[in-house]
Amino acid sequence: MSRIFYISPGADRDIDQQLDHFAQVNVDVALSFLDATQRTFADIAKMPGIGSPVRFHHPRLTGLRRWPVKGFESYLIFYCYSD
């Protein structure tokens, strides 16, 4: 079954800003980061339970999970999913 995922405008801005930063230093790294984020989103869409649960006190953040960007493990994708 195909899953639909949504990238929030804030997350999209964060990715764009990081791409801009990498591009100023090394365009190849920027392209690798873009490819890695796309592959990581695809992996999460296929297996949304792979992320580690994150616990917060705010009820709106219940069910939040995190998963590192492949090859850029200090960059995390935070996401929620429903069955």
Protein backbone atom coordinates (compact mmCIF):
# COMPACT_ATOMS: atom_id res chain seq x y z
CA MET A 1 0.00 0.00 0.00
CA SER A 2 1.33 3.45 -0.89
CA ARG A 3 1.51 5.98 1.89
CA ILE A 4 1.04 9.69 1.50
CA PHE A 5 3.28 11.98 3.44
CA TYR A 6 3.28 15.70 3.95
CA ILE A 7 6.33 17.89 4.59
CA SER A 8 5.40 20.95 6.61
CA PRO A 9 6.39 24.38 5.26
CA GLY A 10 8.72 24.84 8.24
CA ALA A 11 10.48 21.53 7.60
CA ASP A 12 10.75 22.38 3.90
CA ARG A 13 12.37 25.73 4.82
CA ASP A 14 14.79 23.96 7.18
CA ILE A 15 15.86 21.59 4.41
CA ASP A 16 16.28 24.47 1.93
CA GLN A 17 18.36 26.44 4.42
CA GLN A 18 20.62 23.47 5.07
CA LEU A 19 20.99 22.90 1.33
CA ASP A 20 21.98 26.54 0.87
CA HIS A 21 24.55 26.23 3.64
CA PHE A 22 26.04 23.04 2.18
CA ALA A 23 26.05 24.54 -1.33
CA GLN A 24 28.16 27.47 -0.12
CA VAL A 25 30.74 25.01 1.16
CA ASN A 26 30.47 22.16 -1.35
CA VAL A 27 27.81 21.64 -4.03
CA ASP A 28 28.40 17.88 -4.11
CA VAL A 29 27.64 17.65 -0.39
CA ALA A 30 24.46 19.69 -0.92
CA LEU A 31 23.31 17.32 -3.66
CA SER A 32 24.15 14.31 -1.48
CA PHE A 33 22.13 15.82 1.38
CA LEU A 34 19.13 16.41 -0.90
CA ASP A 35 19.31 12.84 -2.20
CA ALA A 36 19.70 11.49 1.34
CA THR A 37 16.66 13.40 2.63
CA GLN A 38 14.54 12.14 -0.27
CA ARG A 39 15.66 8.53 0.34
CA THR A 40 15.02 8.88 4.06
CA PHE A 41 11.50 10.26 3.47
CA ALA A 42 10.84 7.32 1.14
CA ASP A 43 12.05 4.85 3.78
CA ILE A 44 9.80 6.44 6.41
CA ALA A 45 6.84 6.31 4.01
CA LYS A 46 7.45 2.58 3.44
CA MET A 47 8.02 1.76 7.12
CA PRO A 48 6.69 4.57 9.33
CA GLY A 49 7.37 2.63 12.52
CA ILE A 50 11.15 2.73 12.01
CA GLY A 51 11.58 5.99 13.87
CA SER A 52 12.27 6.20 17.58
CA PRO A 53 9.41 7.57 19.67
CA VAL A 54 10.02 10.99 21.19
CA ARG A 55 8.30 11.86 24.46
CA PHE A 56 7.00 15.35 25.10
CA HIS A 57 4.57 16.65 27.71
CA HIS A 58 2.48 18.60 25.19
CA PRO A 59 -0.46 16.46 23.98
CA ARG A 60 -0.20 17.76 20.39
CA LEU A 61 3.20 16.08 20.15
CA THR A 62 1.94 12.64 21.15
CA GLY A 63 3.12 10.04 18.65
CA LEU A 64 6.07 12.10 17.40
CA ARG A 65 8.96 10.00 16.09
CA ARG A 66 12.46 10.78 14.83
CA TRP A 67 14.75 9.19 12.27
CA PRO A 68 18.19 10.33 11.06
CA VAL A 69 18.91 11.36 7.49
CA LYS A 70 21.00 8.58 5.92
CA GLY A 71 24.64 9.63 5.76
CA PHE A 72 23.89 12.80 7.73
CA GLU A 73 22.94 11.23 11.04
CA SER A 74 23.18 14.46 13.04
CA TYR A 75 20.18 15.71 10.99
CA LEU A 76 16.90 14.28 12.20
CA ILE A 77 13.48 14.05 10.63
CA PHE A 78 10.67 14.40 13.15
CA TYR A 79 7.34 13.00 12.03
CA CYS A 80 3.98 11.53 13.06
CA TYR A 81 1.99 8.88 11.26
CA SER A 82 -1.35 7.23 11.47
CA ASP A 83 -2.52 3.87 10.18
